Amino acid sequence: MTYIHLSGRDLAEKLNRGMQQIHSRRIDMLTRAGHPGGVNGQ
């Protein structure tokens, strides 16, 4: 196992990118669910 030091700023940026990605996916899923042919073809 290799130890990699990240600063608080690096960790915050990494967390923020991950949260933005999750948010984008959720918005996409919700948007498709509201339209015909959206999630699960409904």
Protein backbone atom coordinates (compact mmCIF):
# COMPACT_ATOMS: atom_id res chain seq x y z
CA MET A 1 0.00 0.00 0.00
CA THR A 2 1.38 3.41 -0.99
CA TYR A 3 0.76 6.51 1.08
CA ILE A 4 -0.18 9.55 -0.98
CA HIS A 5 -0.40 12.88 0.82
CA LEU A 6 -3.08 15.27 -0.39
CA SER A 7 -3.54 18.76 0.97
CA GLY A 8 -6.89 19.93 2.28
CA ARG A 9 -7.35 21.91 -0.91
CA ASP A 10 -6.64 18.85 -3.07
CA LEU A 11 -9.10 16.76 -1.06
CA ALA A 12 -11.76 19.48 -1.28
CA GLU A 13 -11.36 19.73 -5.06
CA LYS A 14 -11.57 15.96 -5.44
CA LEU A 15 -14.70 15.81 -3.28
CA ASN A 16 -16.29 18.71 -5.14
CA ARG A 17 -15.68 17.06 -8.54
CA GLY A 18 -17.22 13.83 -7.28
CA MET A 19 -20.28 15.61 -5.89
CA GLN A 20 -20.76 17.54 -9.14
CA GLN A 21 -20.60 14.30 -11.11
CA ILE A 22 -23.17 12.63 -8.84
CA HIS A 23 -25.44 15.68 -9.07
CA SER A 24 -25.20 15.72 -12.88
CA ARG A 25 -26.10 12.04 -13.09
CA ARG A 26 -29.08 12.48 -10.76
CA ILE A 27 -30.37 15.47 -12.75
CA ASP A 28 -29.98 13.49 -15.98
CA MET A 29 -31.88 10.52 -14.53
CA LEU A 30 -34.67 12.73 -13.18
CA THR A 31 -34.95 14.60 -16.47
CA ARG A 32 -35.18 11.39 -18.49
CA ALA A 33 -37.69 9.91 -16.04
CA GLY A 34 -40.06 12.81 -16.75
CA HIS A 35 -40.11 12.26 -20.52
CA PRO A 36 -41.54 9.44 -22.65
CA GLY A 37 -38.86 6.92 -23.46
CA GLY A 38 -36.92 7.96 -20.35
CA VAL A 39 -35.60 5.62 -17.68
CA ASN A 40 -36.66 1.99 -18.27
CA GLY A 41 -38.34 3.00 -21.55
CA GLN A 42 -41.41 4.30 -19.75
